C-alpha atoms as a PDB file:
ATOM      1  CA  MET A   1     -41.053  25.381 -22.804  1.00  0.00           C
ATOM      2  CA  VAL A   2     -37.924  26.603 -21.087  1.00  0.00           C
ATOM      3  CA  VAL A   3     -36.230  24.455 -18.381  1.00  0.00           C
ATOM      4  CA  PHE A   4     -33.702  26.204 -16.189  1.00  0.00           C
ATOM      5  CA  GLN A   5     -30.778  24.577 -14.429  1.00  0.00           C
ATOM      6  CA  TYR A   6     -32.017  25.897 -11.019  1.00  0.00           C
ATOM      7  CA  GLY A   7     -35.216  23.895 -11.269  1.00  0.00           C
ATOM      8  CA  SER A   8     -37.812  26.177 -12.763  1.00  0.00           C
ATOM      9  CA  ILE A   9     -39.825  25.365 -15.857  1.00  0.00           C
ATOM     10  CA  VAL A  10     -41.681  28.073 -17.837  1.00  0.00           C
ATOM     11  CA  LEU A  11     -44.275  27.140 -20.405  1.00  0.00           C
ATOM     12  CA  PHE A  12     -45.665  29.542 -22.953  1.00  0.00           C
ATOM     13  CA  ASN A  13     -49.083  29.206 -24.708  1.00  0.00           C
ATOM     14  CA  VAL A  14     -49.811  25.828 -23.032  1.00  0.00           C
ATOM     15  CA  SER A  15     -53.140  24.809 -21.470  1.00  0.00           C
ATOM     16  CA  ASP A  16     -53.195  23.219 -17.982  1.00  0.00           C
ATOM     17  CA  HIS A  17     -53.913  19.717 -19.239  1.00  0.00           C
ATOM     18  CA  GLU A  18     -51.027  19.994 -21.825  1.00  0.00           C
ATOM     19  CA  ALA A  19     -48.688  21.403 -19.196  1.00  0.00           C
ATOM     20  CA  ASP A  20     -48.903  18.162 -17.141  1.00  0.00           C
ATOM     21  CA  GLY A  21     -47.658  16.144 -20.154  1.00  0.00           C
ATOM     22  CA  TYR A  22     -44.661  18.462 -20.660  1.00  0.00           C
ATOM     23  CA  LEU A  23     -43.859  18.360 -16.918  1.00  0.00           C
ATOM     24  CA  LYS A  24     -43.898  14.531 -16.984  1.00  0.00           C
ATOM     25  CA  ILE A  25     -41.396  14.589 -19.838  1.00  0.00           C
ATOM     26  CA  VAL A  26     -39.084  16.836 -17.761  1.00  0.00           C
ATOM     27  CA  GLU A  27     -39.621  14.667 -14.686  1.00  0.00           C
ATOM     28  CA  ARG A  28     -38.292  11.622 -16.553  1.00  0.00           C
ATOM     29  CA  HIS A  29     -35.043  13.312 -17.346  1.00  0.00           C
ATOM     30  CA  ALA A  30     -34.558  15.425 -14.196  1.00  0.00           C
ATOM     31  CA  SER A  31     -32.791  14.613 -11.015  1.00  0.00           C
ATOM     32  CA  GLY A  32     -33.298  15.941  -7.454  1.00  0.00           C
ATOM     33  CA  LEU A  33     -36.949  16.845  -7.911  1.00  0.00           C
ATOM     34  CA  LEU A  34     -38.605  18.889  -5.165  1.00  0.00           C
ATOM     35  CA  ALA A  35     -41.210  17.280  -2.967  1.00  0.00           C
ATOM     36  CA  GLU A  36     -43.726  19.909  -3.926  1.00  0.00           C
ATOM     37  CA  MET A  37     -44.446  21.630  -7.202  1.00  0.00           C
ATOM     38  CA  ARG A  38     -45.611  25.189  -7.403  1.00  0.00           C
ATOM     39  CA  LYS A  39     -47.579  26.551 -10.362  1.00  0.00           C
ATOM     40  CA  ASP A  40     -48.259  30.099 -11.189  1.00  0.00           C
ATOM     41  CA  ASP A  41     -50.260  31.522 -14.085  1.00  0.00           C
ATOM     42  CA  TYR A  42     -48.908  34.601 -15.813  1.00  0.00           C
ATOM     43  CA  ALA A  43     -50.407  35.902 -19.074  1.00  0.00           C
ATOM     44  CA  VAL A  44     -48.197  37.345 -21.898  1.00  0.00           C
ATOM     45  CA  VAL A  45     -50.291  38.984 -24.518  1.00  0.00           C
ATOM     46  CA  GLU A  46     -49.173  40.740 -27.748  1.00  0.00           C
ATOM     47  CA  ASN A  47     -51.268  43.837 -28.585  1.00  0.00           C
ATOM     48  CA  PRO A  48     -49.940  45.791 -31.594  1.00  0.00           C
ATOM     49  CA  THR A  49     -52.362  48.649 -30.881  1.00  0.00           C
ATOM     50  CA  LEU A  50     -51.004  49.263 -27.461  1.00  0.00           C
ATOM     51  CA  GLU A  51     -50.015  52.971 -27.006  1.00  0.00           C
ATOM     52  CA  THR A  52     -46.846  52.136 -25.020  1.00  0.00           C
ATOM     53  CA  TRP A  53     -44.326  49.395 -25.608  1.00  0.00           C
ATOM     54  CA  MET A  54     -45.696  47.409 -22.583  1.00  0.00           C
ATOM     55  CA  LYS A  55     -48.338  47.413 -19.890  1.00  0.00           C
ATOM     56  CA  GLY A  56     -48.073  45.092 -16.877  1.00  0.00           C
ATOM     57  CA  GLY A  57     -49.982  43.924 -13.862  1.00  0.00           C
ATOM     58  CA  LEU A  58     -49.659  41.395 -11.058  1.00  0.00           C
ATOM     59  CA  ASP A  59     -50.444  38.399 -13.277  1.00  0.00           C
ATOM     60  CA  TYR A  60     -50.050  39.621 -16.872  1.00  0.00           C
ATOM     61  CA  ILE A  61     -48.002  41.666 -19.261  1.00  0.00           C
ATOM     62  CA  LYS A  62     -49.134  43.115 -22.544  1.00  0.00           C
ATOM     63  CA  LEU A  63     -46.513  43.903 -25.172  1.00  0.00           C
ATOM     64  CA  LYS A  64     -46.797  45.956 -28.305  1.00  0.00           C
ATOM     65  CA  ASN A  65     -44.459  43.503 -30.032  1.00  0.00           C
ATOM     66  CA  LEU A  66     -43.609  40.021 -28.746  1.00  0.00           C
ATOM     67  CA  SER A  67     -40.308  38.707 -30.081  1.00  0.00           C
ATOM     68  CA  ILE A  68     -38.159  35.747 -29.274  1.00  0.00           C
ATOM     69  CA  ASP A  69     -36.048  38.061 -27.110  1.00  0.00           C
ATOM     70  CA  GLY A  70     -39.119  39.136 -25.171  1.00  0.00           C
ATOM     71  CA  ILE A  71     -40.002  35.513 -24.633  1.00  0.00           C
ATOM     72  CA  ARG A  72     -36.453  34.821 -23.429  1.00  0.00           C
ATOM     73  CA  ILE A  73     -36.432  37.760 -21.005  1.00  0.00           C
ATOM     74  CA  ILE A  74     -39.902  37.058 -19.635  1.00  0.00           C
ATOM     75  CA  GLY A  75     -39.131  33.382 -19.256  1.00  0.00           C
ATOM     76  CA  SER A  76     -35.877  34.154 -17.394  1.00  0.00           C
ATOM     77  CA  VAL A  77     -37.575  36.602 -15.004  1.00  0.00           C
ATOM     78  CA  LEU A  78     -40.425  34.231 -14.337  1.00  0.00           C
ATOM     79  CA  GLY A  79     -38.063  31.224 -13.863  1.00  0.00           C
ATOM     80  CA  GLN A  80     -35.909  33.176 -11.403  1.00  0.00           C
ATOM     81  CA  SER A  81     -38.950  34.441  -9.548  1.00  0.00           C
ATOM     82  CA  ILE A  82     -40.215  30.923  -9.008  1.00  0.00           C
ATOM     83  CA  ALA A  83     -36.810  29.712  -7.843  1.00  0.00           C
ATOM     84  CA  LEU A  84     -36.462  32.670  -5.520  1.00  0.00           C
ATOM     85  CA  ASP A  85     -39.855  31.890  -3.923  1.00  0.00           C
ATOM     86  CA  HIS A  86     -38.589  28.372  -3.149  1.00  0.00           C
ATOM     87  CA  TYR A  87     -35.314  29.598  -1.685  1.00  0.00           C
ATOM     88  CA  ILE A  88     -37.070  32.341   0.334  1.00  0.00           C
ATOM     89  CA  GLY A  89     -38.952  29.518   2.160  1.00  0.00           C
ATOM     90  CA  GLN A  90     -35.709  27.778   2.881  1.00  0.00           C
ATOM     91  CA  VAL A  91     -34.033  31.003   4.107  1.00  0.00           C
ATOM     92  CA  ASP A  92     -36.996  31.610   6.386  1.00  0.00           C
ATOM     93  CA  GLY A  93     -36.338  28.215   7.879  1.00  0.00           C
ATOM     94  CA  MET A  94     -32.698  29.107   8.363  1.00  0.00           C
ATOM     95  CA  VAL A  95     -33.590  32.286  10.179  1.00  0.00           C
ATOM     96  CA  ALA A  96     -35.968  30.455  12.460  1.00  0.00           C
ATOM     97  CA  GLU A  97     -33.255  27.914  13.395  1.00  0.00           C
ATOM     98  CA  PHE A  98     -30.751  30.721  14.039  1.00  0.00           C
ATOM     99  CA  THR A  99     -33.265  32.510  16.190  1.00  0.00           C
ATOM    100  CA  ASP A 100     -33.709  29.414  18.336  1.00  0.00           C
ATOM    101  CA  ILE A 101     -29.972  29.047  18.723  1.00  0.00           C
ATOM    102  CA  ASN A 102     -29.622  32.738  19.590  1.00  0.00           C
ATOM    103  CA  ARG A 103     -32.431  32.505  22.203  1.00  0.00           C
ATOM    104  CA  GLY A 104     -30.606  29.626  23.834  1.00  0.00           C
ATOM    105  CA  MET A 105     -27.496  31.737  24.031  1.00  0.00           C
ATOM    106  CA  GLU A 106     -29.392  34.579  25.544  1.00  0.00           C
ATOM    107  CA  LYS A 107     -30.701  32.311  28.304  1.00  0.00           C
ATOM    108  CA  THR A 108     -27.387  30.548  29.158  1.00  0.00           C
ATOM    109  CA  GLY A 109     -24.815  33.149  28.127  1.00  0.00           C
ATOM    110  CA  THR A 110     -22.817  30.485  26.232  1.00  0.00           C
ATOM    111  CA  PHE A 111     -23.063  28.524  22.996  1.00  0.00           C
ATOM    112  CA  THR A 112     -23.852  24.979  24.142  1.00  0.00           C
ATOM    113  CA  MET A 113     -24.584  23.169  20.894  1.00  0.00           C
ATOM    114  CA  GLU A 114     -22.523  20.043  20.456  1.00  0.00           C
ATOM    115  CA  ARG A 115     -19.761  20.288  17.924  1.00  0.00           C
ATOM    116  CA  LYS A 116     -21.284  17.663  15.602  1.00  0.00           C
ATOM    117  CA  SER A 117     -24.723  19.235  15.745  1.00  0.00           C
ATOM    118  CA  PHE A 118     -23.254  22.643  15.045  1.00  0.00           C
ATOM    119  CA  PHE A 119     -21.329  21.452  11.980  1.00  0.00           C
ATOM    120  CA  ASN A 120     -24.473  19.611  10.746  1.00  0.00           C
ATOM    121  CA  TRP A 121     -26.537  22.785  11.205  1.00  0.00           C
ATOM    122  CA  TRP A 122     -23.796  24.956   9.569  1.00  0.00           C
ATOM    123  CA  GLY A 123     -23.442  22.540   6.652  1.00  0.00           C
ATOM    124  CA  ARG A 124     -27.262  22.660   6.038  1.00  0.00           C
ATOM    125  CA  GLN A 125     -27.237  26.454   6.093  1.00  0.00           C
ATOM    126  CA  THR A 126     -24.219  26.703   3.815  1.00  0.00           C
ATOM    127  CA  LEU A 127     -25.736  24.123   1.401  1.00  0.00           C
ATOM    128  CA  ILE A 128     -28.962  26.160   1.112  1.00  0.00           C
ATOM    129  CA  TRP A 129     -26.885  29.343   0.625  1.00  0.00           C
ATOM    130  CA  GLN A 130     -24.683  27.759  -2.018  1.00  0.00           C
ATOM    131  CA  MET A 131     -27.623  26.155  -3.823  1.00  0.00           C
ATOM    132  CA  SER A 132     -29.572  29.372  -3.961  1.00  0.00           C
ATOM    133  CA  SER A 133     -26.667  31.662  -4.881  1.00  0.00           C
ATOM    134  CA  LEU A 134     -24.969  29.417  -7.415  1.00  0.00           C
ATOM    135  CA  SER A 135     -28.243  28.198  -9.012  1.00  0.00           C
ATOM    136  CA  LEU A 136     -29.424  31.709  -9.570  1.00  0.00           C
ATOM    137  CA  GLY A 137     -26.052  33.058 -10.703  1.00  0.00           C
ATOM    138  CA  PHE A 138     -24.954  34.847  -7.524  1.00  0.00           C
ATOM    139  CA  SER A 139     -21.548  34.199  -6.119  1.00  0.00           C
ATOM    140  CA  SER A 140     -19.804  34.272  -2.767  1.00  0.00           C
ATOM    141  CA  SER A 141     -16.147  34.905  -2.158  1.00  0.00           C
ATOM    142  CA  ARG A 142     -16.012  32.929   1.062  1.00  0.00           C
ATOM    143  CA  THR A 143     -16.096  29.164   0.924  1.00  0.00           C
ATOM    144  CA  LEU A 144     -17.578  26.686   3.354  1.00  0.00           C
ATOM    145  CA  LEU A 145     -14.105  25.537   4.450  1.00  0.00           C
ATOM    146  CA  GLY A 146     -12.949  29.016   5.000  1.00  0.00           C
ATOM    147  CA  ARG A 147     -16.018  29.818   7.155  1.00  0.00           C
ATOM    148  CA  MET A 148     -15.577  26.645   9.212  1.00  0.00           C
ATOM    149  CA  LEU A 149     -11.913  27.420   9.837  1.00  0.00           C
ATOM    150  CA  ILE A 150     -12.779  30.861  11.054  1.00  0.00           C
ATOM    151  CA  MET A 151     -15.408  29.387  13.416  1.00  0.00           C
ATOM    152  CA  LEU A 152     -12.922  26.825  14.763  1.00  0.00           C
ATOM    153  CA  LYS A 153     -10.190  29.524  15.211  1.00  0.00           C
ATOM    154  CA  TYR A 154     -12.357  32.147  16.878  1.00  0.00           C
ATOM    155  CA  GLY A 155     -15.181  30.078  18.339  1.00  0.00           C
ATOM    156  CA  SER A 156     -13.805  30.167  21.898  1.00  0.00           C
ATOM    157  CA  THR A 157     -13.392  33.913  21.650  1.00  0.00           C
ATOM    158  CA  PHE A 158     -17.092  34.257  21.254  1.00  0.00           C
ATOM    159  CA  GLY A 159     -17.940  31.972  24.159  1.00  0.00           C
ATOM    160  CA  MET A 160     -18.692  28.944  21.917  1.00  0.00           C
ATOM    161  CA  ASN A 161     -18.200  25.513  23.422  1.00  0.00           C
ATOM    162  CA  MET A 162     -16.895  23.668  20.368  1.00  0.00           C
ATOM    163  CA  SER A 163     -16.314  20.278  22.091  1.00  0.00           C
END
């Protein structure tokens, strides 16, 4: 079992009924659990007679030689893939919200969102971005405060009503 700081858990050579027991152990020690849990089955098979060093498919990989390094790499890739799936759903929600805001601006010609609502929205978007980028090891050179200051400074230039 490999537990990643960004919330993914990868189990090797564990049956479904055993997996639930391991997940309950993690649940007792974890914080900030997601409302939903996603499971994915991916087979990792060692086959010493394989002609190439590996052969893969959508839900399996066959390796000529399975080592601890191979397990570490496969676990890391699977863990990041599961986390990315989660964050992709959140980003889709961000894009939908931005699209709604943009449509409103197209209709009225101005940005009419109340200041408090805007900063709540901006904070949620930034939090999602920070969680996804930091959790998965990506980084951003611009901070939340820096972005907010830019919005405050130039908001009126872009027709935003920041009151």
